[in-house]
Amino acid sequence: MEKNSVQKAAGVLDILVLITLACNLIALLLVPGLVLTKGLGELASLTPYENPPELLLRVLTVCVLSWKWIWQAGSYETVLALFLLFSGCCTVPILWQARRVLKTILKGAPFAQENAASLRRAAACCFLIAGAALVRVIFSVWYYRSLLPLASYNALFVPMFAMAGLLCRVMSALFRQAAELKAENDLTI
C-alpha cells in the first residue's frame, strides 16, 4: 500500500523524534557536569582545540565525576541540576508517547484509543515540568531575595508547559471521541 503525504510526514517526524530522544538521553548524562562548569565554555578551555580526542576525554571525565560532585556543591547548583534532571526525565516519556502516536499514524489508524492514552500521559508529564519550574522559580525568588527570577527561562517554562499539557489533554479528548465514533461507525456498516 502506498503511503499518503500524512504518513510520509509522520515517518520523517518519527525519525526526528527518535533523534531528539537519543540527544535528550545523552544530555541527561551531561547535566551535572554542565551545571558545575556553568556550560561548555569552561570545559572547552580545558585543553587546546588542536587535540579533540583529549578534549572529549576530559569533558566526559568531568561529566562522569560531576555526578559525585554535584551533591557537594552549593544549594543553587544542586537545585539547578535536580530541576534539569527532572525536566529531562519528564521529556523522555513525552517523546516516547509522541513516537507511539506517530506509529499509529504510520499504520494508517490514527483514531485509536491508545493515542488518547498516550496524549494523556504526555499531558501529565507536561504538567509535572510546569510544576517543577514553578517550584524552581519560587526557590530562586527565595534564594536571591529578589523578583529577578520571574524574568528567567524557568518562569517561562511554567505557562509554556502548562499550555502544552492542556493542548495534549484537548487532543487526547479529540482522539478518544474520534476513536469512539470510528468504532461506532464500523459497527453500523
N, C-alpha and C. Protein backbone atom coordinates (compact mmCIF):
# COMPACT_ATOMS: atom_id res chain seq x y z
N MET A 1 0.83 -1.17 0.00
CA MET A 1 0.00 0.00 0.00
C MET A 1 0.89 1.25 0.00
N GLU A 2 0.56 2.21 -0.83
CA GLU A 2 1.33 3.44 -0.94
C GLU A 2 1.01 4.36 0.24
N LYS A 3 2.06 4.99 0.76
CA LYS A 3 1.86 5.91 1.87
C LYS A 3 1.36 7.25 1.35
N ASN A 4 0.42 7.84 2.10
CA ASN A 4 -0.04 9.17 1.73
C ASN A 4 0.90 10.22 2.32
N SER A 5 0.64 11.49 2.04
CA SER A 5 1.56 12.56 2.48
C SER A 5 1.62 12.66 4.00
N VAL A 6 0.51 12.39 4.68
CA VAL A 6 0.50 12.44 6.15
C VAL A 6 1.39 11.34 6.72
N GLN A 7 1.33 10.15 6.15
CA GLN A 7 2.17 9.05 6.63
C GLN A 7 3.65 9.32 6.33
N LYS A 8 3.92 9.94 5.20
CA LYS A 8 5.31 10.29 4.89
C LYS A 8 5.84 11.31 5.90
N ALA A 9 5.03 12.31 6.19
CA ALA A 9 5.43 13.31 7.19
C ALA A 9 5.59 12.67 8.56
N ALA A 10 4.70 11.73 8.90
CA ALA A 10 4.81 11.04 10.19
C ALA A 10 6.09 10.21 10.25
N GLY A 11 6.49 9.62 9.13
CA GLY A 11 7.74 8.86 9.10
C GLY A 11 8.94 9.74 9.36
N VAL A 12 8.95 10.92 8.75
CA VAL A 12 10.06 11.86 8.98
C VAL A 12 10.04 12.34 10.42
N LEU A 13 8.85 12.67 10.93
CA LEU A 13 8.74 13.11 12.32
C LEU A 13 9.16 12.03 13.30
N ASP A 14 8.85 10.78 12.98
CA ASP A 14 9.24 9.67 13.84
C ASP A 14 10.76 9.60 13.96
N ILE A 15 11.45 9.77 12.85
CA ILE A 15 12.92 9.75 12.87
C ILE A 15 13.45 10.94 13.67
N LEU A 16 12.86 12.12 13.48
CA LEU A 16 13.31 13.30 14.22
C LEU A 16 13.06 13.17 15.72
N VAL A 17 11.92 12.60 16.08
CA VAL A 17 11.62 12.39 17.50
C VAL A 17 12.60 11.38 18.09
N LEU A 18 12.93 10.34 17.34
CA LEU A 18 13.90 9.35 17.82
C LEU A 18 15.27 9.98 18.03
N ILE A 19 15.71 10.83 17.11
CA ILE A 19 16.99 11.54 17.26
C ILE A 19 16.94 12.46 18.48
N THR A 20 15.83 13.16 18.65
CA THR A 20 15.68 14.05 19.81
C THR A 20 15.70 13.25 21.11
N LEU A 21 15.07 12.10 21.11
CA LEU A 21 15.07 11.24 22.30
C LEU A 21 16.49 10.79 22.64
N ALA A 22 17.26 10.39 21.64
CA ALA A 22 18.65 9.98 21.88
C ALA A 22 19.48 11.15 22.40
N CYS A 23 19.31 12.32 21.82
CA CYS A 23 20.05 13.51 22.29
C CYS A 23 19.64 13.87 23.71
N ASN A 24 18.36 13.72 24.02
CA ASN A 24 17.87 14.00 25.37
C ASN A 24 18.53 13.07 26.39
N LEU A 25 18.62 11.79 26.06
CA LEU A 25 19.24 10.84 26.99
C LEU A 25 20.73 11.13 27.18
N ILE A 26 21.42 11.52 26.11
CA ILE A 26 22.83 11.90 26.23
C ILE A 26 22.97 13.15 27.08
N ALA A 27 22.10 14.14 26.85
CA ALA A 27 22.16 15.38 27.62
C ALA A 27 21.91 15.14 29.10
N LEU A 28 21.03 14.19 29.42
CA LEU A 28 20.77 13.87 30.83
C LEU A 28 22.05 13.42 31.54
N LEU A 29 22.89 12.67 30.84
CA LEU A 29 24.13 12.22 31.44
C LEU A 29 25.11 13.36 31.69
N LEU A 30 25.01 14.42 30.90
CA LEU A 30 25.95 15.54 30.98
C LEU A 30 25.49 16.66 31.90
N VAL A 31 24.26 16.62 32.39
CA VAL A 31 23.69 17.73 33.16
C VAL A 31 24.55 18.14 34.36
N PRO A 32 24.94 17.25 35.26
CA PRO A 32 25.71 17.72 36.41
C PRO A 32 27.03 18.39 36.01
N GLY A 33 27.72 17.84 35.02
CA GLY A 33 28.97 18.45 34.58
C GLY A 33 28.76 19.83 34.00
N LEU A 34 27.70 20.00 33.24
CA LEU A 34 27.43 21.31 32.65
C LEU A 34 27.00 22.32 33.71
N VAL A 35 26.29 21.86 34.74
CA VAL A 35 25.89 22.76 35.81
C VAL A 35 27.11 23.20 36.61
N LEU A 36 27.98 22.25 36.95
CA LEU A 36 29.15 22.60 37.76
C LEU A 36 30.13 23.49 37.02
N THR A 37 30.27 23.29 35.72
CA THR A 37 31.21 24.11 34.96
C THR A 37 30.54 25.30 34.31
N LYS A 38 29.25 25.48 34.58
CA LYS A 38 28.45 26.59 34.05
C LYS A 38 28.48 26.64 32.53
N GLY A 39 28.36 25.49 31.91
CA GLY A 39 28.27 25.43 30.45
C GLY A 39 29.53 24.89 29.81
N LEU A 40 29.53 24.89 28.51
CA LEU A 40 30.64 24.32 27.76
C LEU A 40 31.85 25.23 27.70
N GLY A 41 31.71 26.51 28.01
CA GLY A 41 32.82 27.45 27.90
C GLY A 41 34.05 27.01 28.69
N GLU A 42 33.87 26.71 29.97
CA GLU A 42 34.99 26.29 30.80
C GLU A 42 35.49 24.91 30.41
N LEU A 43 34.60 24.01 30.02
CA LEU A 43 35.04 22.69 29.60
C LEU A 43 35.87 22.76 28.32
N ALA A 44 35.48 23.64 27.40
CA ALA A 44 36.20 23.76 26.14
C ALA A 44 37.59 24.36 26.35
N SER A 45 37.77 25.13 27.41
CA SER A 45 39.08 25.74 27.64
C SER A 45 40.02 24.81 28.42
N LEU A 46 39.61 23.60 28.72
CA LEU A 46 40.47 22.68 29.46
C LEU A 46 41.69 22.24 28.66
N THR A 47 41.57 22.19 27.37
CA THR A 47 42.64 21.69 26.53
C THR A 47 42.59 22.43 25.19
N PRO A 48 43.71 22.51 24.47
CA PRO A 48 43.67 23.22 23.18
C PRO A 48 42.74 22.54 22.19
N TYR A 49 42.23 23.32 21.25
CA TYR A 49 41.31 22.79 20.25
C TYR A 49 42.03 21.87 19.26
N GLU A 50 43.36 21.90 19.22
CA GLU A 50 44.07 21.07 18.26
C GLU A 50 43.99 19.58 18.58
N ASN A 51 43.57 19.21 19.79
CA ASN A 51 43.54 17.81 20.20
C ASN A 51 42.11 17.42 20.62
N PRO A 52 41.18 17.30 19.66
CA PRO A 52 39.78 16.99 20.01
C PRO A 52 39.58 15.71 20.80
N PRO A 53 40.31 14.60 20.53
CA PRO A 53 40.06 13.40 21.35
C PRO A 53 40.38 13.62 22.82
N GLU A 54 41.44 14.38 23.10
CA GLU A 54 41.77 14.64 24.50
C GLU A 54 40.71 15.54 25.14
N LEU A 55 40.22 16.51 24.39
CA LEU A 55 39.15 17.38 24.88
C LEU A 55 37.92 16.55 25.20
N LEU A 56 37.54 15.67 24.31
CA LEU A 56 36.37 14.83 24.53
C LEU A 56 36.56 13.94 25.76
N LEU A 57 37.74 13.38 25.93
CA LEU A 57 38.03 12.54 27.09
C LEU A 57 37.92 13.36 28.37
N ARG A 58 38.45 14.57 28.36
CA ARG A 58 38.37 15.40 29.57
C ARG A 58 36.94 15.83 29.87
N VAL A 59 36.21 16.18 28.84
CA VAL A 59 34.82 16.57 29.03
C VAL A 59 34.02 15.41 29.62
N LEU A 60 34.20 14.22 29.07
CA LEU A 60 33.49 13.04 29.60
C LEU A 60 33.91 12.72 31.02
N THR A 61 35.20 12.87 31.32
CA THR A 61 35.69 12.62 32.68
C THR A 61 35.06 13.58 33.67
N VAL A 62 35.03 14.87 33.31
CA VAL A 62 34.42 15.87 34.19
C VAL A 62 32.94 15.58 34.38
N CYS A 63 32.26 15.22 33.31
CA CYS A 63 30.81 14.96 33.41
C CYS A 63 30.51 13.72 34.24
N VAL A 64 31.34 12.69 34.12
CA VAL A 64 31.13 11.48 34.92
C VAL A 64 31.42 11.75 36.39
N LEU A 65 32.54 12.42 36.68
CA LEU A 65 32.88 12.72 38.06
C LEU A 65 31.92 13.71 38.69
N SER A 66 31.32 14.55 37.88
CA SER A 66 30.41 15.56 38.41
C SER A 66 29.16 14.96 39.03
N TRP A 67 28.81 13.72 38.66
CA TRP A 67 27.67 13.07 39.31
C TRP A 67 27.92 12.91 40.80
N LYS A 68 29.17 12.78 41.20
CA LYS A 68 29.51 12.71 42.62
C LYS A 68 29.62 14.11 43.21
N TRP A 69 30.23 15.03 42.46
CA TRP A 69 30.50 16.37 42.98
C TRP A 69 29.25 17.23 43.11
N ILE A 70 28.23 16.98 42.32
CA ILE A 70 27.07 17.87 42.29
C ILE A 70 26.37 17.92 43.65
N TRP A 71 26.42 16.82 44.39
CA TRP A 71 25.74 16.78 45.69
C TRP A 71 26.53 17.51 46.76
N GLN A 72 27.81 17.78 46.51
CA GLN A 72 28.65 18.51 47.45
C GLN A 72 28.73 19.99 47.08
N ALA A 73 28.15 20.35 45.95
CA ALA A 73 28.18 21.74 45.50
C ALA A 73 27.20 22.56 46.34
N GLY A 74 27.13 23.83 46.03
CA GLY A 74 26.21 24.71 46.73
C GLY A 74 24.77 24.33 46.43
N SER A 75 23.87 24.88 47.25
CA SER A 75 22.46 24.52 47.09
C SER A 75 21.91 24.97 45.75
N TYR A 76 22.38 26.11 45.22
CA TYR A 76 21.87 26.59 43.94
C TYR A 76 22.19 25.60 42.83
N GLU A 77 23.45 25.14 42.77
CA GLU A 77 23.85 24.20 41.72
C GLU A 77 23.11 22.88 41.84
N THR A 78 22.92 22.41 43.07
CA THR A 78 22.22 21.15 43.28
C THR A 78 20.76 21.26 42.84
N VAL A 79 20.10 22.35 43.20
CA VAL A 79 18.69 22.53 42.81
C VAL A 79 18.59 22.67 41.29
N LEU A 80 19.52 23.40 40.67
CA LEU A 80 19.50 23.54 39.22
C LEU A 80 19.67 22.19 38.54
N ALA A 81 20.62 21.40 39.02
CA ALA A 81 20.85 20.07 38.44
C ALA A 81 19.62 19.18 38.63
N LEU A 82 19.02 19.22 39.81
CA LEU A 82 17.82 18.41 40.06
C LEU A 82 16.68 18.83 39.14
N PHE A 83 16.50 20.14 38.97
CA PHE A 83 15.44 20.62 38.08
C PHE A 83 15.68 20.16 36.64
N LEU A 84 16.90 20.32 36.17
CA LEU A 84 17.20 19.93 34.79
C LEU A 84 17.08 18.41 34.61
N LEU A 85 17.51 17.64 35.59
CA LEU A 85 17.37 16.19 35.51
C LEU A 85 15.90 15.78 35.53
N PHE A 86 15.12 16.39 36.40
CA PHE A 86 13.70 16.06 36.49
C PHE A 86 13.00 16.42 35.18
N SER A 87 13.28 17.62 34.67
CA SER A 87 12.65 18.04 33.41
C SER A 87 13.08 17.14 32.26
N GLY A 88 14.36 16.78 32.23
CA GLY A 88 14.84 15.89 31.18
C GLY A 88 14.22 14.51 31.26
N CYS A 89 14.05 14.02 32.50
CA CYS A 89 13.41 12.72 32.67
C CYS A 89 11.93 12.76 32.29
N CYS A 90 11.29 13.90 32.47
CA CYS A 90 9.88 14.02 32.06
C CYS A 90 9.75 14.15 30.54
N THR A 91 10.76 14.67 29.87
CA THR A 91 10.66 14.78 28.42
C THR A 91 10.83 13.44 27.73
N VAL A 92 11.47 12.49 28.39
CA VAL A 92 11.62 11.15 27.79
C VAL A 92 10.25 10.52 27.54
N PRO A 93 9.34 10.46 28.53
CA PRO A 93 8.03 9.88 28.22
C PRO A 93 7.22 10.72 27.23
N ILE A 94 7.40 12.05 27.24
CA ILE A 94 6.68 12.88 26.27
C ILE A 94 7.09 12.48 24.85
N LEU A 95 8.39 12.37 24.64
CA LEU A 95 8.89 11.98 23.32
C LEU A 95 8.48 10.54 22.97
N TRP A 96 8.50 9.67 23.95
CA TRP A 96 8.12 8.27 23.70
C TRP A 96 6.63 8.18 23.32
N GLN A 97 5.80 8.96 23.99
CA GLN A 97 4.38 8.95 23.66
C GLN A 97 4.15 9.56 22.28
N ALA A 98 4.94 10.55 21.92
CA ALA A 98 4.84 11.11 20.56
C ALA A 98 5.17 10.05 19.53
N ARG A 99 6.18 9.23 19.80
CA ARG A 99 6.53 8.14 18.88
C ARG A 99 5.38 7.15 18.77
N ARG A 100 4.73 6.85 19.88
CA ARG A 100 3.60 5.91 19.84
C ARG A 100 2.47 6.45 18.97
N VAL A 101 2.18 7.74 19.09
CA VAL A 101 1.13 8.34 18.26
C VAL A 101 1.55 8.29 16.79
N LEU A 102 2.81 8.61 16.51
CA LEU A 102 3.28 8.59 15.13
C LEU A 102 3.24 7.17 14.55
N LYS A 103 3.50 6.17 15.37
CA LYS A 103 3.43 4.78 14.88
C LYS A 103 2.02 4.41 14.44
N THR A 104 1.01 4.87 15.18
CA THR A 104 -0.36 4.56 14.75
C THR A 104 -0.71 5.29 13.46
N ILE A 105 -0.18 6.49 13.29
CA ILE A 105 -0.40 7.22 12.04
C ILE A 105 0.28 6.49 10.89
N LEU A 106 1.47 5.96 11.14
CA LEU A 106 2.18 5.20 10.10
C LEU A 106 1.42 3.93 9.72
N LYS A 107 0.72 3.34 10.69
CA LYS A 107 -0.08 2.14 10.41
C LYS A 107 -1.35 2.48 9.63
N GLY A 108 -1.70 3.75 9.60
CA GLY A 108 -2.93 4.16 8.92
C GLY A 108 -4.15 4.12 9.81
N ALA A 109 -3.96 4.05 11.13
CA ALA A 109 -5.08 4.00 12.07
C ALA A 109 -4.87 5.04 13.17
N PRO A 110 -4.96 6.33 12.81
CA PRO A 110 -4.66 7.35 13.81
C PRO A 110 -5.73 7.50 14.89
N PHE A 111 -6.97 7.14 14.58
CA PHE A 111 -8.04 7.31 15.54
C PHE A 111 -8.20 6.06 16.39
N ALA A 112 -7.27 5.91 17.32
CA ALA A 112 -7.26 4.74 18.21
C ALA A 112 -7.27 5.23 19.66
N GLN A 113 -7.85 4.42 20.52
CA GLN A 113 -7.89 4.76 21.95
C GLN A 113 -6.49 4.89 22.54
N GLU A 114 -5.54 4.14 21.99
CA GLU A 114 -4.17 4.21 22.53
C GLU A 114 -3.56 5.59 22.32
N ASN A 115 -3.96 6.30 21.26
CA ASN A 115 -3.48 7.66 21.06
C ASN A 115 -4.00 8.59 22.15
N ALA A 116 -5.24 8.40 22.53
CA ALA A 116 -5.80 9.22 23.61
C ALA A 116 -5.05 8.98 24.90
N ALA A 117 -4.72 7.73 25.19
CA ALA A 117 -3.98 7.41 26.41
C ALA A 117 -2.56 7.98 26.34
N SER A 118 -1.92 7.89 25.18
CA SER A 118 -0.56 8.42 25.02
C SER A 118 -0.55 9.93 25.24
N LEU A 119 -1.52 10.60 24.69
CA LEU A 119 -1.57 12.05 24.86
C LEU A 119 -1.89 12.46 26.30
N ARG A 120 -2.68 11.64 27.01
CA ARG A 120 -2.94 11.91 28.43
C ARG A 120 -1.66 11.78 29.24
N ARG A 121 -0.86 10.75 28.93
CA ARG A 121 0.42 10.57 29.63
C ARG A 121 1.37 11.73 29.34
N ALA A 122 1.42 12.16 28.09
CA ALA A 122 2.27 13.30 27.73
C ALA A 122 1.81 14.56 28.46
N ALA A 123 0.51 14.75 28.58
CA ALA A 123 -0.02 15.92 29.29
C ALA A 123 0.40 15.89 30.76
N ALA A 124 0.34 14.72 31.38
CA ALA A 124 0.75 14.62 32.78
C ALA A 124 2.22 15.01 32.95
N CYS A 125 3.06 14.58 32.03
CA CYS A 125 4.48 14.94 32.10
C CYS A 125 4.68 16.44 31.88
N CYS A 126 3.91 17.03 31.00
CA CYS A 126 3.99 18.48 30.79
C CYS A 126 3.60 19.22 32.06
N PHE A 127 2.55 18.77 32.72
CA PHE A 127 2.14 19.41 33.97
C PHE A 127 3.19 19.24 35.06
N LEU A 128 3.87 18.09 35.09
CA LEU A 128 4.95 17.89 36.06
C LEU A 128 6.10 18.86 35.83
N ILE A 129 6.46 19.08 34.57
CA ILE A 129 7.53 20.03 34.27
C ILE A 129 7.10 21.44 34.66
N ALA A 130 5.86 21.81 34.37
CA ALA A 130 5.36 23.13 34.76
C ALA A 130 5.40 23.30 36.28
N GLY A 131 5.02 22.25 37.00
CA GLY A 131 5.08 22.31 38.47
C GLY A 131 6.49 22.42 38.99
N ALA A 132 7.42 21.67 38.40
CA ALA A 132 8.82 21.74 38.81
C ALA A 132 9.40 23.13 38.52
N ALA A 133 9.02 23.71 37.39
CA ALA A 133 9.50 25.05 37.05
C ALA A 133 8.95 26.07 38.03
N LEU A 134 7.71 25.90 38.44
CA LEU A 134 7.13 26.81 39.43
C LEU A 134 7.86 26.71 40.76
N VAL A 135 8.16 25.49 41.18
CA VAL A 135 8.92 25.30 42.42
C VAL A 135 10.30 25.95 42.30
N ARG A 136 10.92 25.78 41.14
CA ARG A 136 12.25 26.37 40.90
C ARG A 136 12.19 27.89 40.92
N VAL A 137 11.17 28.49 40.35
CA VAL A 137 11.03 29.95 40.38
C VAL A 137 10.85 30.42 41.82
N ILE A 138 10.01 29.74 42.56
CA ILE A 138 9.79 30.11 43.96
C ILE A 138 11.09 29.97 44.75
N PHE A 139 11.84 28.87 44.52
CA PHE A 139 13.13 28.70 45.19
C PHE A 139 14.08 29.83 44.83
N SER A 140 14.13 30.21 43.56
CA SER A 140 15.06 31.26 43.12
C SER A 140 14.69 32.61 43.71
N VAL A 141 13.40 32.90 43.79
CA VAL A 141 12.97 34.16 44.41
C VAL A 141 13.38 34.16 45.88
N TRP A 142 13.21 33.04 46.55
CA TRP A 142 13.62 32.95 47.96
C TRP A 142 15.14 33.00 48.10
N TYR A 143 15.88 32.28 47.24
CA TYR A 143 17.34 32.20 47.33
C TYR A 143 17.99 33.56 47.09
N TYR A 144 17.53 34.27 46.05
CA TYR A 144 18.12 35.57 45.72
C TYR A 144 17.45 36.73 46.45
N ARG A 145 16.31 36.47 47.06
CA ARG A 145 15.52 37.51 47.72
C ARG A 145 15.29 38.69 46.77
N SER A 146 14.85 38.30 45.57
CA SER A 146 14.63 39.27 44.51
C SER A 146 13.54 38.74 43.57
N LEU A 147 12.94 39.65 42.81
CA LEU A 147 11.94 39.23 41.83
C LEU A 147 12.55 38.99 40.45
N LEU A 148 13.86 39.14 40.32
CA LEU A 148 14.51 38.93 39.03
C LEU A 148 14.31 37.52 38.45
N PRO A 149 14.24 36.46 39.27
CA PRO A 149 13.99 35.14 38.69
C PRO A 149 12.66 35.03 37.93
N LEU A 150 11.76 35.97 38.15
CA LEU A 150 10.49 35.95 37.40
C LEU A 150 10.72 36.29 35.93
N ALA A 151 11.91 36.78 35.59
CA ALA A 151 12.24 37.09 34.20
C ALA A 151 13.20 36.05 33.62
N SER A 152 13.19 34.84 34.16
CA SER A 152 14.11 33.79 33.71
C SER A 152 13.38 32.76 32.85
N TYR A 153 14.16 31.84 32.29
CA TYR A 153 13.56 30.77 31.48
C TYR A 153 12.68 29.87 32.33
N ASN A 154 12.97 29.75 33.62
CA ASN A 154 12.13 28.92 34.49
C ASN A 154 10.72 29.48 34.58
N ALA A 155 10.63 30.80 34.68
CA ALA A 155 9.31 31.41 34.74
C ALA A 155 8.57 31.22 33.42
N LEU A 156 9.30 31.17 32.32
CA LEU A 156 8.68 30.92 31.03
C LEU A 156 8.20 29.48 30.91
N PHE A 157 8.90 28.54 31.55
CA PHE A 157 8.52 27.13 31.50
C PHE A 157 7.15 26.87 32.11
N VAL A 158 6.77 27.64 33.12
CA VAL A 158 5.51 27.39 33.82
C VAL A 158 4.31 27.51 32.87
N PRO A 159 4.09 28.67 32.24
CA PRO A 159 2.92 28.73 31.34
C PRO A 159 3.12 27.92 30.06
N MET A 160 4.37 27.82 29.59
CA MET A 160 4.60 27.11 28.35
C MET A 160 4.24 25.62 28.47
N PHE A 161 4.72 24.97 29.53
CA PHE A 161 4.41 23.55 29.69
C PHE A 161 3.00 23.33 30.21
N ALA A 162 2.43 24.30 30.93
CA ALA A 162 1.03 24.18 31.33
C ALA A 162 0.13 24.22 30.09
N MET A 163 0.45 25.12 29.16
CA MET A 163 -0.33 25.18 27.91
C MET A 163 -0.11 23.93 27.07
N ALA A 164 1.11 23.41 27.03
CA ALA A 164 1.37 22.17 26.29
C ALA A 164 0.57 21.02 26.89
N GLY A 165 0.51 20.97 28.23
CA GLY A 165 -0.28 19.94 28.89
C GLY A 165 -1.76 20.06 28.57
N LEU A 166 -2.25 21.29 28.57
CA LEU A 166 -3.67 21.50 28.22
C LEU A 166 -3.93 21.11 26.76
N LEU A 167 -3.03 21.46 25.88
CA LEU A 167 -3.19 21.09 24.47
C LEU A 167 -3.20 19.57 24.31
N CYS A 168 -2.31 18.89 25.01
CA CYS A 168 -2.30 17.42 24.94
C CYS A 168 -3.60 16.83 25.49
N ARG A 169 -4.14 17.44 26.55
CA ARG A 169 -5.41 16.95 27.10
C ARG A 169 -6.55 17.13 26.10
N VAL A 170 -6.57 18.28 25.43
CA VAL A 170 -7.61 18.53 24.43
C VAL A 170 -7.47 17.54 23.27
N MET A 171 -6.24 17.35 22.81
CA MET A 171 -6.01 16.41 21.72
C MET A 171 -6.36 14.98 22.14
N SER A 172 -6.11 14.66 23.40
CA SER A 172 -6.47 13.35 23.92
C SER A 172 -7.98 13.14 23.85
N ALA A 173 -8.73 14.16 24.27
CA ALA A 173 -10.19 14.06 24.22
C ALA A 173 -10.68 13.94 22.78
N LEU A 174 -10.06 14.69 21.87
CA LEU A 174 -10.46 14.60 20.47
C LEU A 174 -10.17 13.22 19.89
N PHE A 175 -9.00 12.68 20.18
CA PHE A 175 -8.67 11.35 19.68
C PHE A 175 -9.58 10.29 20.29
N ARG A 176 -9.91 10.44 21.58
CA ARG A 176 -10.80 9.47 22.23
C ARG A 176 -12.18 9.51 21.58
N GLN A 177 -12.69 10.71 21.34
CA GLN A 177 -14.01 10.83 20.72
C GLN A 177 -13.98 10.33 19.28
N ALA A 178 -12.92 10.62 18.54
CA ALA A 178 -12.81 10.13 17.17
C ALA A 178 -12.74 8.62 17.14
N ALA A 179 -12.03 8.02 18.09
CA ALA A 179 -11.94 6.56 18.15
C ALA A 179 -13.30 5.95 18.46
N GLU A 180 -14.07 6.59 19.36
CA GLU A 180 -15.41 6.09 19.67
C GLU A 180 -16.33 6.20 18.47
N LEU A 181 -16.26 7.32 17.76
CA LEU A 181 -17.09 7.50 16.56
C LEU A 181 -16.70 6.49 15.48
N LYS A 182 -15.42 6.24 15.34
CA LYS A 182 -14.95 5.28 14.33
C LYS A 182 -15.43 3.87 14.69
N ALA A 183 -15.33 3.51 15.96
CA ALA A 183 -15.80 2.18 16.38
C ALA A 183 -17.31 2.05 16.18
N GLU A 184 -18.05 3.10 16.48
CA GLU A 184 -19.49 3.09 16.29
C GLU A 184 -19.83 3.00 14.80
N ASN A 185 -19.09 3.72 13.97
CA ASN A 185 -19.30 3.69 12.54
C ASN A 185 -18.97 2.32 11.95
N ASP A 186 -17.92 1.69 12.46
CA ASP A 186 -17.54 0.35 11.99
C ASP A 186 -18.62 -0.69 12.32
N LEU A 187 -19.32 -0.50 13.43
CA LEU A 187 -20.37 -1.43 13.82
C LEU A 187 -21.63 -1.27 12.98
N THR A 188 -21.88 -0.07 12.50
CA THR A 188 -23.12 0.16 11.74
C THR A 188 -23.02 -0.27 10.29
N ILE A 189 -21.84 -0.48 9.79
CA ILE A 189 -21.69 -0.84 8.37
C ILE A 189 -21.97 -2.27 8.13
